[in-house]
Amino acid sequence: FENPNVGWSKTYLMMGIVVAVVCIFVK
């Protein structure tokens, strides 16, 4: 969030992608 090159919006986007990938990885 505090990183100006990332920011909150990109953080949420990356969180969504990571969680989806983790679920596929677990399956």
mmCIF file of all heavy atoms, coordinates in Angstrom:
data_MODEL
# 
_entry.id   MODEL 
# 
loop_
_atom_site.group_PDB 
_atom_site.id 
_atom_site.type_symbol 
_atom_site.label_atom_id 
_atom_site.label_alt_id 
_atom_site.label_comp_id 
_atom_site.label_asym_id 
_atom_site.label_entity_id 
_atom_site.label_seq_id 
_atom_site.pdbx_PDB_ins_code 
_atom_site.Cartn_x 
_atom_site.Cartn_y 
_atom_site.Cartn_z 
_atom_site.occupancy 
_atom_site.B_iso_or_equiv 
_atom_site.pdbx_formal_charge 
_atom_site.auth_seq_id 
_atom_site.auth_comp_id 
_atom_site.auth_asym_id 
_atom_site.auth_atom_id 
_atom_site.pdbx_PDB_model_num 
ATOM 1   N N   . PHE A 1 1  ? 0.831  -1.207  0.000   1.00 0.00 ? 1  PHE A N   1 
ATOM 2   C CA  . PHE A 1 1  ? 0.000  0.000   0.000   1.00 0.00 ? 1  PHE A CA  1 
ATOM 3   C C   . PHE A 1 1  ? 0.868  1.262   0.000   1.00 0.00 ? 1  PHE A C   1 
ATOM 4   O O   . PHE A 1 1  ? 0.578  2.241   -0.691  1.00 0.00 ? 1  PHE A O   1 
ATOM 5   C CB  . PHE A 1 1  ? -0.918 0.027   1.224   1.00 0.00 ? 1  PHE A CB  1 
ATOM 6   C CG  . PHE A 1 1  ? -2.158 -0.819  1.082   1.00 0.00 ? 1  PHE A CG  1 
ATOM 7   C CD1 . PHE A 1 1  ? -2.952 -1.083  2.196   1.00 0.00 ? 1  PHE A CD1 1 
ATOM 8   C CD2 . PHE A 1 1  ? -2.538 -1.349  -0.138  1.00 0.00 ? 1  PHE A CD2 1 
ATOM 9   C CE1 . PHE A 1 1  ? -4.106 -1.857  2.080   1.00 0.00 ? 1  PHE A CE1 1 
ATOM 10  C CE2 . PHE A 1 1  ? -3.677 -2.131  -0.257  1.00 0.00 ? 1  PHE A CE2 1 
ATOM 11  C CZ  . PHE A 1 1  ? -4.458 -2.380  0.856   1.00 0.00 ? 1  PHE A CZ  1 
ATOM 12  N N   . GLU A 1 2  ? 1.924  1.225   0.822   1.00 0.00 ? 2  GLU A N   1 
ATOM 13  C CA  . GLU A 1 2  ? 2.769  2.401   1.004   1.00 0.00 ? 2  GLU A CA  1 
ATOM 14  C C   . GLU A 1 2  ? 3.773  2.597   -0.128  1.00 0.00 ? 2  GLU A C   1 
ATOM 15  O O   . GLU A 1 2  ? 4.383  3.659   -0.239  1.00 0.00 ? 2  GLU A O   1 
ATOM 16  C CB  . GLU A 1 2  ? 3.516  2.289   2.338   1.00 0.00 ? 2  GLU A CB  1 
ATOM 17  C CG  . GLU A 1 2  ? 2.595  2.298   3.550   1.00 0.00 ? 2  GLU A CG  1 
ATOM 18  C CD  . GLU A 1 2  ? 3.318  1.990   4.836   1.00 0.00 ? 2  GLU A CD  1 
ATOM 19  O OE1 . GLU A 1 2  ? 4.557  1.763   4.776   1.00 0.00 ? 2  GLU A OE1 1 
ATOM 20  O OE2 . GLU A 1 2  ? 2.673  1.961   5.904   1.00 0.00 ? 2  GLU A OE2 1 
ATOM 21  N N   . ASN A 1 3  ? 3.943  1.561   -0.941  1.00 0.00 ? 3  ASN A N   1 
ATOM 22  C CA  . ASN A 1 3  ? 4.875  1.666   -2.068  1.00 0.00 ? 3  ASN A CA  1 
ATOM 23  C C   . ASN A 1 3  ? 4.221  2.462   -3.194  1.00 0.00 ? 3  ASN A C   1 
ATOM 24  O O   . ASN A 1 3  ? 3.214  2.039   -3.759  1.00 0.00 ? 3  ASN A O   1 
ATOM 25  C CB  . ASN A 1 3  ? 5.245  0.271   -2.565  1.00 0.00 ? 3  ASN A CB  1 
ATOM 26  C CG  . ASN A 1 3  ? 6.352  0.294   -3.594  1.00 0.00 ? 3  ASN A CG  1 
ATOM 27  O OD1 . ASN A 1 3  ? 6.493  1.241   -4.370  1.00 0.00 ? 3  ASN A OD1 1 
ATOM 28  N ND2 . ASN A 1 3  ? 7.147  -0.754  -3.628  1.00 0.00 ? 3  ASN A ND2 1 
ATOM 29  N N   . PRO A 1 4  ? 4.796  3.631   -3.564  1.00 0.00 ? 4  PRO A N   1 
ATOM 30  C CA  . PRO A 1 4  ? 4.172  4.462   -4.606  1.00 0.00 ? 4  PRO A CA  1 
ATOM 31  C C   . PRO A 1 4  ? 4.116  3.785   -5.977  1.00 0.00 ? 4  PRO A C   1 
ATOM 32  O O   . PRO A 1 4  ? 3.304  4.165   -6.825  1.00 0.00 ? 4  PRO A O   1 
ATOM 33  C CB  . PRO A 1 4  ? 5.074  5.704   -4.636  1.00 0.00 ? 4  PRO A CB  1 
ATOM 34  C CG  . PRO A 1 4  ? 6.384  5.252   -4.071  1.00 0.00 ? 4  PRO A CG  1 
ATOM 35  C CD  . PRO A 1 4  ? 6.029  4.221   -3.034  1.00 0.00 ? 4  PRO A CD  1 
ATOM 36  N N   . ASN A 1 5  ? 4.964  2.787   -6.196  1.00 0.00 ? 5  ASN A N   1 
ATOM 37  C CA  . ASN A 1 5  ? 4.966  2.080   -7.479  1.00 0.00 ? 5  ASN A CA  1 
ATOM 38  C C   . ASN A 1 5  ? 3.900  0.988   -7.547  1.00 0.00 ? 5  ASN A C   1 
ATOM 39  O O   . ASN A 1 5  ? 3.674  0.411   -8.612  1.00 0.00 ? 5  ASN A O   1 
ATOM 40  C CB  . ASN A 1 5  ? 6.347  1.454   -7.727  1.00 0.00 ? 5  ASN A CB  1 
ATOM 41  C CG  . ASN A 1 5  ? 7.437  2.490   -7.882  1.00 0.00 ? 5  ASN A CG  1 
ATOM 42  O OD1 . ASN A 1 5  ? 7.217  3.540   -8.487  1.00 0.00 ? 5  ASN A OD1 1 
ATOM 43  N ND2 . ASN A 1 5  ? 8.612  2.220   -7.317  1.00 0.00 ? 5  ASN A ND2 1 
ATOM 44  N N   . VAL A 1 6  ? 3.299  0.710   -6.404  1.00 0.00 ? 6  VAL A N   1 
ATOM 45  C CA  . VAL A 1 6  ? 2.263  -0.325  -6.359  1.00 0.00 ? 6  VAL A CA  1 
ATOM 46  C C   . VAL A 1 6  ? 0.912  0.295   -6.019  1.00 0.00 ? 6  VAL A C   1 
ATOM 47  O O   . VAL A 1 6  ? 0.001  0.321   -6.836  1.00 0.00 ? 6  VAL A O   1 
ATOM 48  C CB  . VAL A 1 6  ? 2.621  -1.434  -5.343  1.00 0.00 ? 6  VAL A CB  1 
ATOM 49  C CG1 . VAL A 1 6  ? 1.543  -2.520  -5.345  1.00 0.00 ? 6  VAL A CG1 1 
ATOM 50  C CG2 . VAL A 1 6  ? 3.984  -2.043  -5.665  1.00 0.00 ? 6  VAL A CG2 1 
ATOM 51  N N   . GLY A 1 7  ? 0.779  0.790   -4.787  1.00 0.00 ? 7  GLY A N   1 
ATOM 52  C CA  . GLY A 1 7  ? -0.476 1.418   -4.393  1.00 0.00 ? 7  GLY A CA  1 
ATOM 53  C C   . GLY A 1 7  ? -1.545 0.410   -4.016  1.00 0.00 ? 7  GLY A C   1 
ATOM 54  O O   . GLY A 1 7  ? -1.388 -0.796  -4.218  1.00 0.00 ? 7  GLY A O   1 
ATOM 55  N N   . TRP A 1 8  ? -2.642 0.903   -3.484  1.00 0.00 ? 8  TRP A N   1 
ATOM 56  C CA  . TRP A 1 8  ? -3.678 0.021   -2.958  1.00 0.00 ? 8  TRP A CA  1 
ATOM 57  C C   . TRP A 1 8  ? -4.437 -0.717  -4.052  1.00 0.00 ? 8  TRP A C   1 
ATOM 58  O O   . TRP A 1 8  ? -4.769 -1.891  -3.908  1.00 0.00 ? 8  TRP A O   1 
ATOM 59  C CB  . TRP A 1 8  ? -4.651 0.813   -2.091  1.00 0.00 ? 8  TRP A CB  1 
ATOM 60  C CG  . TRP A 1 8  ? -5.608 1.673   -2.863  1.00 0.00 ? 8  TRP A CG  1 
ATOM 61  C CD1 . TRP A 1 8  ? -5.445 2.981   -3.215  1.00 0.00 ? 8  TRP A CD1 1 
ATOM 62  C CD2 . TRP A 1 8  ? -6.887 1.271   -3.386  1.00 0.00 ? 8  TRP A CD2 1 
ATOM 63  N NE1 . TRP A 1 8  ? -6.537 3.410   -3.934  1.00 0.00 ? 8  TRP A NE1 1 
ATOM 64  C CE2 . TRP A 1 8  ? -7.432 2.397   -4.041  1.00 0.00 ? 8  TRP A CE2 1 
ATOM 65  C CE3 . TRP A 1 8  ? -7.611 0.083   -3.359  1.00 0.00 ? 8  TRP A CE3 1 
ATOM 66  C CZ2 . TRP A 1 8  ? -8.672 2.360   -4.672  1.00 0.00 ? 8  TRP A CZ2 1 
ATOM 67  C CZ3 . TRP A 1 8  ? -8.854 0.044   -3.990  1.00 0.00 ? 8  TRP A CZ3 1 
ATOM 68  C CH2 . TRP A 1 8  ? -9.378 1.173   -4.628  1.00 0.00 ? 8  TRP A CH2 1 
ATOM 69  N N   . SER A 1 9  ? -4.714 -0.034  -5.179  1.00 0.00 ? 9  SER A N   1 
ATOM 70  C CA  . SER A 1 9  ? -5.514 -0.656  -6.238  1.00 0.00 ? 9  SER A CA  1 
ATOM 71  C C   . SER A 1 9  ? -4.794 -1.855  -6.849  1.00 0.00 ? 9  SER A C   1 
ATOM 72  O O   . SER A 1 9  ? -5.372 -2.945  -6.991  1.00 0.00 ? 9  SER A O   1 
ATOM 73  C CB  . SER A 1 9  ? -5.815 0.374   -7.330  1.00 0.00 ? 9  SER A CB  1 
ATOM 74  O OG  . SER A 1 9  ? -6.635 -0.201  -8.343  1.00 0.00 ? 9  SER A OG  1 
ATOM 75  N N   . LYS A 1 10 ? -3.523 -1.688  -7.188  1.00 0.00 ? 10 LYS A N   1 
ATOM 76  C CA  . LYS A 1 10 ? -2.753 -2.798  -7.753  1.00 0.00 ? 10 LYS A CA  1 
ATOM 77  C C   . LYS A 1 10 ? -2.574 -3.914  -6.727  1.00 0.00 ? 10 LYS A C   1 
ATOM 78  O O   . LYS A 1 10 ? -2.516 -5.093  -7.089  1.00 0.00 ? 10 LYS A O   1 
ATOM 79  C CB  . LYS A 1 10 ? -1.386 -2.298  -8.234  1.00 0.00 ? 10 LYS A CB  1 
ATOM 80  C CG  . LYS A 1 10 ? -1.447 -1.422  -9.479  1.00 0.00 ? 10 LYS A CG  1 
ATOM 81  C CD  . LYS A 1 10 ? -0.053 -1.019  -9.919  1.00 0.00 ? 10 LYS A CD  1 
ATOM 82  C CE  . LYS A 1 10 ? -0.112 -0.152  -11.168 1.00 0.00 ? 10 LYS A CE  1 
ATOM 83  N NZ  . LYS A 1 10 ? 1.259  0.295   -11.582 1.00 0.00 ? 10 LYS A NZ  1 
ATOM 84  N N   . THR A 1 11 ? -2.480 -3.526  -5.459  1.00 0.00 ? 11 THR A N   1 
ATOM 85  C CA  . THR A 1 11 ? -2.337 -4.534  -4.411  1.00 0.00 ? 11 THR A CA  1 
ATOM 86  C C   . THR A 1 11 ? -3.560 -5.437  -4.364  1.00 0.00 ? 11 THR A C   1 
ATOM 87  O O   . THR A 1 11 ? -3.434 -6.671  -4.291  1.00 0.00 ? 11 THR A O   1 
ATOM 88  C CB  . THR A 1 11 ? -2.137 -3.870  -3.039  1.00 0.00 ? 11 THR A CB  1 
ATOM 89  O OG1 . THR A 1 11 ? -0.952 -3.074  -3.064  1.00 0.00 ? 11 THR A OG1 1 
ATOM 90  C CG2 . THR A 1 11 ? -2.016 -4.924  -1.944  1.00 0.00 ? 11 THR A CG2 1 
ATOM 91  N N   . TYR A 1 12 ? -4.748 -4.834  -4.413  1.00 0.00 ? 12 TYR A N   1 
ATOM 92  C CA  . TYR A 1 12 ? -5.969 -5.634  -4.417  1.00 0.00 ? 12 TYR A CA  1 
ATOM 93  C C   . TYR A 1 12 ? -6.055 -6.512  -5.665  1.00 0.00 ? 12 TYR A C   1 
ATOM 94  O O   . TYR A 1 12 ? -6.479 -7.681  -5.604  1.00 0.00 ? 12 TYR A O   1 
ATOM 95  C CB  . TYR A 1 12 ? -7.201 -4.723  -4.338  1.00 0.00 ? 12 TYR A CB  1 
ATOM 96  C CG  . TYR A 1 12 ? -7.705 -4.510  -2.936  1.00 0.00 ? 12 TYR A CG  1 
ATOM 97  C CD1 . TYR A 1 12 ? -7.391 -3.349  -2.231  1.00 0.00 ? 12 TYR A CD1 1 
ATOM 98  C CD2 . TYR A 1 12 ? -8.511 -5.451  -2.308  1.00 0.00 ? 12 TYR A CD2 1 
ATOM 99  C CE1 . TYR A 1 12 ? -7.856 -3.144  -0.941  1.00 0.00 ? 12 TYR A CE1 1 
ATOM 100 C CE2 . TYR A 1 12 ? -8.989 -5.259  -1.024  1.00 0.00 ? 12 TYR A CE2 1 
ATOM 101 C CZ  . TYR A 1 12 ? -8.661 -4.097  -0.338  1.00 0.00 ? 12 TYR A CZ  1 
ATOM 102 O OH  . TYR A 1 12 ? -9.116 -3.906  0.936   1.00 0.00 ? 12 TYR A OH  1 
ATOM 103 N N   . LEU A 1 13 ? -5.653 -5.955  -6.803  1.00 0.00 ? 13 LEU A N   1 
ATOM 104 C CA  . LEU A 1 13 ? -5.680 -6.735  -8.039  1.00 0.00 ? 13 LEU A CA  1 
ATOM 105 C C   . LEU A 1 13 ? -4.750 -7.939  -7.935  1.00 0.00 ? 13 LEU A C   1 
ATOM 106 O O   . LEU A 1 13 ? -5.116 -9.058  -8.310  1.00 0.00 ? 13 LEU A O   1 
ATOM 107 C CB  . LEU A 1 13 ? -5.257 -5.848  -9.220  1.00 0.00 ? 13 LEU A CB  1 
ATOM 108 C CG  . LEU A 1 13 ? -6.216 -4.720  -9.609  1.00 0.00 ? 13 LEU A CG  1 
ATOM 109 C CD1 . LEU A 1 13 ? -5.606 -3.858  -10.710 1.00 0.00 ? 13 LEU A CD1 1 
ATOM 110 C CD2 . LEU A 1 13 ? -7.549 -5.283  -10.085 1.00 0.00 ? 13 LEU A CD2 1 
ATOM 111 N N   . MET A 1 14 ? -3.543 -7.709  -7.397  1.00 0.00 ? 14 MET A N   1 
ATOM 112 C CA  . MET A 1 14 ? -2.584 -8.807  -7.248  1.00 0.00 ? 14 MET A CA  1 
ATOM 113 C C   . MET A 1 14 ? -3.065 -9.829  -6.229  1.00 0.00 ? 14 MET A C   1 
ATOM 114 O O   . MET A 1 14 ? -2.870 -11.039 -6.401  1.00 0.00 ? 14 MET A O   1 
ATOM 115 C CB  . MET A 1 14 ? -1.211 -8.241  -6.860  1.00 0.00 ? 14 MET A CB  1 
ATOM 116 C CG  . MET A 1 14 ? -0.486 -7.568  -8.011  1.00 0.00 ? 14 MET A CG  1 
ATOM 117 S SD  . MET A 1 14 ? 1.209  -7.093  -7.609  1.00 0.00 ? 14 MET A SD  1 
ATOM 118 C CE  . MET A 1 14 ? 0.920  -5.622  -6.632  1.00 0.00 ? 14 MET A CE  1 
ATOM 119 N N   . MET A 1 15 ? -3.726 -9.357  -5.157  1.00 0.00 ? 15 MET A N   1 
ATOM 120 C CA  . MET A 1 15 ? -4.274 -10.277 -4.156  1.00 0.00 ? 15 MET A CA  1 
ATOM 121 C C   . MET A 1 15 ? -5.293 -11.209 -4.798  1.00 0.00 ? 15 MET A C   1 
ATOM 122 O O   . MET A 1 15 ? -5.321 -12.417 -4.538  1.00 0.00 ? 15 MET A O   1 
ATOM 123 C CB  . MET A 1 15 ? -4.933 -9.497  -3.016  1.00 0.00 ? 15 MET A CB  1 
ATOM 124 C CG  . MET A 1 15 ? -3.969 -8.884  -2.028  1.00 0.00 ? 15 MET A CG  1 
ATOM 125 S SD  . MET A 1 15 ? -4.834 -7.763  -0.887  1.00 0.00 ? 15 MET A SD  1 
ATOM 126 C CE  . MET A 1 15 ? -6.158 -8.809  -0.290  1.00 0.00 ? 15 MET A CE  1 
ATOM 127 N N   . GLY A 1 16 ? -6.166 -10.633 -5.632  1.00 0.00 ? 16 GLY A N   1 
ATOM 128 C CA  . GLY A 1 16 ? -7.184 -11.443 -6.288  1.00 0.00 ? 16 GLY A CA  1 
ATOM 129 C C   . GLY A 1 16 ? -6.577 -12.499 -7.193  1.00 0.00 ? 16 GLY A C   1 
ATOM 130 O O   . GLY A 1 16 ? -6.998 -13.663 -7.180  1.00 0.00 ? 16 GLY A O   1 
ATOM 131 N N   . ILE A 1 17 ? -5.564 -12.106 -7.949  1.00 0.00 ? 17 ILE A N   1 
ATOM 132 C CA  . ILE A 1 17 ? -4.904 -13.045 -8.851  1.00 0.00 ? 17 ILE A CA  1 
ATOM 133 C C   . ILE A 1 17 ? -4.189 -14.136 -8.056  1.00 0.00 ? 17 ILE A C   1 
ATOM 134 O O   . ILE A 1 17 ? -4.273 -15.328 -8.393  1.00 0.00 ? 17 ILE A O   1 
ATOM 135 C CB  . ILE A 1 17 ? -3.914 -12.299 -9.768  1.00 0.00 ? 17 ILE A CB  1 
ATOM 136 C CG1 . ILE A 1 17 ? -4.672 -11.355 -10.701 1.00 0.00 ? 17 ILE A CG1 1 
ATOM 137 C CG2 . ILE A 1 17 ? -3.072 -13.289 -10.565 1.00 0.00 ? 17 ILE A CG2 1 
ATOM 138 C CD1 . ILE A 1 17 ? -3.785 -10.435 -11.509 1.00 0.00 ? 17 ILE A CD1 1 
ATOM 139 N N   . VAL A 1 18 ? -3.475 -13.739 -6.994  1.00 0.00 ? 18 VAL A N   1 
ATOM 140 C CA  . VAL A 1 18 ? -2.719 -14.703 -6.192  1.00 0.00 ? 18 VAL A CA  1 
ATOM 141 C C   . VAL A 1 18 ? -3.637 -15.725 -5.545  1.00 0.00 ? 18 VAL A C   1 
ATOM 142 O O   . VAL A 1 18 ? -3.363 -16.930 -5.563  1.00 0.00 ? 18 VAL A O   1 
ATOM 143 C CB  . VAL A 1 18 ? -1.886 -13.974 -5.110  1.00 0.00 ? 18 VAL A CB  1 
ATOM 144 C CG1 . VAL A 1 18 ? -1.336 -14.969 -4.086  1.00 0.00 ? 18 VAL A CG1 1 
ATOM 145 C CG2 . VAL A 1 18 ? -0.738 -13.217 -5.754  1.00 0.00 ? 18 VAL A CG2 1 
ATOM 146 N N   . VAL A 1 19 ? -4.757 -15.266 -4.969  1.00 0.00 ? 19 VAL A N   1 
ATOM 147 C CA  . VAL A 1 19 ? -5.680 -16.188 -4.300  1.00 0.00 ? 19 VAL A CA  1 
ATOM 148 C C   . VAL A 1 19 ? -6.260 -17.186 -5.303  1.00 0.00 ? 19 VAL A C   1 
ATOM 149 O O   . VAL A 1 19 ? -6.361 -18.386 -5.021  1.00 0.00 ? 19 VAL A O   1 
ATOM 150 C CB  . VAL A 1 19 ? -6.815 -15.412 -3.596  1.00 0.00 ? 19 VAL A CB  1 
ATOM 151 C CG1 . VAL A 1 19 ? -7.898 -16.370 -3.117  1.00 0.00 ? 19 VAL A CG1 1 
ATOM 152 C CG2 . VAL A 1 19 ? -6.269 -14.625 -2.409  1.00 0.00 ? 19 VAL A CG2 1 
ATOM 153 N N   . ALA A 1 20 ? -6.636 -16.692 -6.487  1.00 0.00 ? 20 ALA A N   1 
ATOM 154 C CA  . ALA A 1 20 ? -7.176 -17.580 -7.513  1.00 0.00 ? 20 ALA A CA  1 
ATOM 155 C C   . ALA A 1 20 ? -6.126 -18.614 -7.935  1.00 0.00 ? 20 ALA A C   1 
ATOM 156 O O   . ALA A 1 20 ? -6.434 -19.804 -8.082  1.00 0.00 ? 20 ALA A O   1 
ATOM 157 C CB  . ALA A 1 20 ? -7.633 -16.770 -8.720  1.00 0.00 ? 20 ALA A CB  1 
ATOM 158 N N   . VAL A 1 21 ? -4.890 -18.168 -8.100  1.00 0.00 ? 21 VAL A N   1 
ATOM 159 C CA  . VAL A 1 21 ? -3.805 -19.073 -8.492  1.00 0.00 ? 21 VAL A CA  1 
ATOM 160 C C   . VAL A 1 21 ? -3.541 -20.108 -7.396  1.00 0.00 ? 21 VAL A C   1 
ATOM 161 O O   . VAL A 1 21 ? -3.291 -21.289 -7.681  1.00 0.00 ? 21 VAL A O   1 
ATOM 162 C CB  . VAL A 1 21 ? -2.515 -18.283 -8.801  1.00 0.00 ? 21 VAL A CB  1 
ATOM 163 C CG1 . VAL A 1 21 ? -1.320 -19.218 -8.946  1.00 0.00 ? 21 VAL A CG1 1 
ATOM 164 C CG2 . VAL A 1 21 ? -2.694 -17.462 -10.067 1.00 0.00 ? 21 VAL A CG2 1 
ATOM 165 N N   . VAL A 1 22 ? -3.597 -19.670 -6.137  1.00 0.00 ? 22 VAL A N   1 
ATOM 166 C CA  . VAL A 1 22 ? -3.368 -20.588 -5.015  1.00 0.00 ? 22 VAL A CA  1 
ATOM 167 C C   . VAL A 1 22 ? -4.424 -21.689 -5.004  1.00 0.00 ? 22 VAL A C   1 
ATOM 168 O O   . VAL A 1 22 ? -4.106 -22.864 -4.781  1.00 0.00 ? 22 VAL A O   1 
ATOM 169 C CB  . VAL A 1 22 ? -3.369 -19.830 -3.672  1.00 0.00 ? 22 VAL A CB  1 
ATOM 170 C CG1 . VAL A 1 22 ? -3.480 -20.800 -2.498  1.00 0.00 ? 22 VAL A CG1 1 
ATOM 171 C CG2 . VAL A 1 22 ? -2.105 -19.000 -3.531  1.00 0.00 ? 22 VAL A CG2 1 
ATOM 172 N N   . CYS A 1 23 ? -5.678 -21.326 -5.241  1.00 0.00 ? 23 CYS A N   1 
ATOM 173 C CA  . CYS A 1 23 ? -6.745 -22.332 -5.260  1.00 0.00 ? 23 CYS A CA  1 
ATOM 174 C C   . CYS A 1 23 ? -6.531 -23.344 -6.389  1.00 0.00 ? 23 CYS A C   1 
ATOM 175 O O   . CYS A 1 23 ? -6.749 -24.543 -6.211  1.00 0.00 ? 23 CYS A O   1 
ATOM 176 C CB  . CYS A 1 23 ? -8.106 -21.652 -5.408  1.00 0.00 ? 23 CYS A CB  1 
ATOM 177 S SG  . CYS A 1 23 ? -8.658 -20.796 -3.917  1.00 0.00 ? 23 CYS A SG  1 
ATOM 178 N N   . ILE A 1 24 ? -6.092 -22.856 -7.549  1.00 0.00 ? 24 ILE A N   1 
ATOM 179 C CA  . ILE A 1 24 ? -5.791 -23.766 -8.655  1.00 0.00 ? 24 ILE A CA  1 
ATOM 180 C C   . ILE A 1 24 ? -4.601 -24.644 -8.289  1.00 0.00 ? 24 ILE A C   1 
ATOM 181 O O   . ILE A 1 24 ? -4.592 -25.851 -8.549  1.00 0.00 ? 24 ILE A O   1 
ATOM 182 C CB  . ILE A 1 24 ? -5.491 -22.966 -9.941  1.00 0.00 ? 24 ILE A CB  1 
ATOM 183 C CG1 . ILE A 1 24 ? -6.745 -22.197 -10.387 1.00 0.00 ? 24 ILE A CG1 1 
ATOM 184 C CG2 . ILE A 1 24 ? -5.010 -23.897 -11.047 1.00 0.00 ? 24 ILE A CG2 1 
ATOM 185 C CD1 . ILE A 1 24 ? -6.512 -21.254 -11.545 1.00 0.00 ? 24 ILE A CD1 1 
ATOM 186 N N   . PHE A 1 25 ? -3.600 -24.036 -7.649  1.00 0.00 ? 25 PHE A N   1 
ATOM 187 C CA  . PHE A 1 25 ? -2.408 -24.772 -7.227  1.00 0.00 ? 25 PHE A CA  1 
ATOM 188 C C   . PHE A 1 25 ? -2.776 -25.887 -6.253  1.00 0.00 ? 25 PHE A C   1 
ATOM 189 O O   . PHE A 1 25 ? -2.282 -27.009 -6.365  1.00 0.00 ? 25 PHE A O   1 
ATOM 190 C CB  . PHE A 1 25 ? -1.429 -23.807 -6.562  1.00 0.00 ? 25 PHE A CB  1 
ATOM 191 C CG  . PHE A 1 25 ? -0.257 -24.474 -5.881  1.00 0.00 ? 25 PHE A CG  1 
ATOM 192 C CD1 . PHE A 1 25 ? 0.857  -24.861 -6.606  1.00 0.00 ? 25 PHE A CD1 1 
ATOM 193 C CD2 . PHE A 1 25 ? -0.276 -24.717 -4.514  1.00 0.00 ? 25 PHE A CD2 1 
ATOM 194 C CE1 . PHE A 1 25 ? 1.936  -25.484 -5.983  1.00 0.00 ? 25 PHE A CE1 1 
ATOM 195 C CE2 . PHE A 1 25 ? 0.789  -25.333 -3.878  1.00 0.00 ? 25 PHE A CE2 1 
ATOM 196 C CZ  . PHE A 1 25 ? 1.896  -25.717 -4.620  1.00 0.00 ? 25 PHE A CZ  1 
ATOM 197 N N   . VAL A 1 26 ? -3.639 -25.576 -5.301  1.00 0.00 ? 26 VAL A N   1 
ATOM 198 C CA  . VAL A 1 26 ? -4.047 -26.578 -4.312  1.00 0.00 ? 26 VAL A CA  1 
ATOM 199 C C   . VAL A 1 26 ? -4.802 -27.718 -4.979  1.00 0.00 ? 26 VAL A C   1 
ATOM 200 O O   . VAL A 1 26 ? -4.580 -28.895 -4.679  1.00 0.00 ? 26 VAL A O   1 
ATOM 201 C CB  . VAL A 1 26 ? -4.910 -25.921 -3.208  1.00 0.00 ? 26 VAL A CB  1 
ATOM 202 C CG1 . VAL A 1 26 ? -5.519 -26.994 -2.310  1.00 0.00 ? 26 VAL A CG1 1 
ATOM 203 C CG2 . VAL A 1 26 ? -4.071 -24.965 -2.378  1.00 0.00 ? 26 VAL A CG2 1 
ATOM 204 N N   . LYS A 1 27 ? -5.708 -27.384 -5.906  1.00 0.00 ? 27 LYS A N   1 
ATOM 205 C CA  . LYS A 1 27 ? -6.458 -28.433 -6.609  1.00 0.00 ? 27 LYS A CA  1 
ATOM 206 C C   . LYS A 1 27 ? -5.508 -29.346 -7.379  1.00 0.00 ? 27 LYS A C   1 
ATOM 207 O O   . LYS A 1 27 ? -5.607 -30.573 -7.313  1.00 0.00 ? 27 LYS A O   1 
ATOM 208 C CB  . LYS A 1 27 ? -7.469 -27.818 -7.576  1.00 0.00 ? 27 LYS A CB  1 
ATOM 209 C CG  . LYS A 1 27 ? -8.225 -28.868 -8.380  1.00 0.00 ? 27 LYS A CG  1 
ATOM 210 C CD  . LYS A 1 27 ? -9.084 -28.242 -9.444  1.00 0.00 ? 27 LYS A CD  1 
ATOM 211 C CE  . LYS A 1 27 ? -9.847 -29.314 -10.222 1.00 0.00 ? 27 LYS A CE  1 
ATOM 212 N NZ  . LYS A 1 27 ? -8.950 -30.249 -10.935 1.00 0.00 ? 27 LYS A NZ  1 
# 
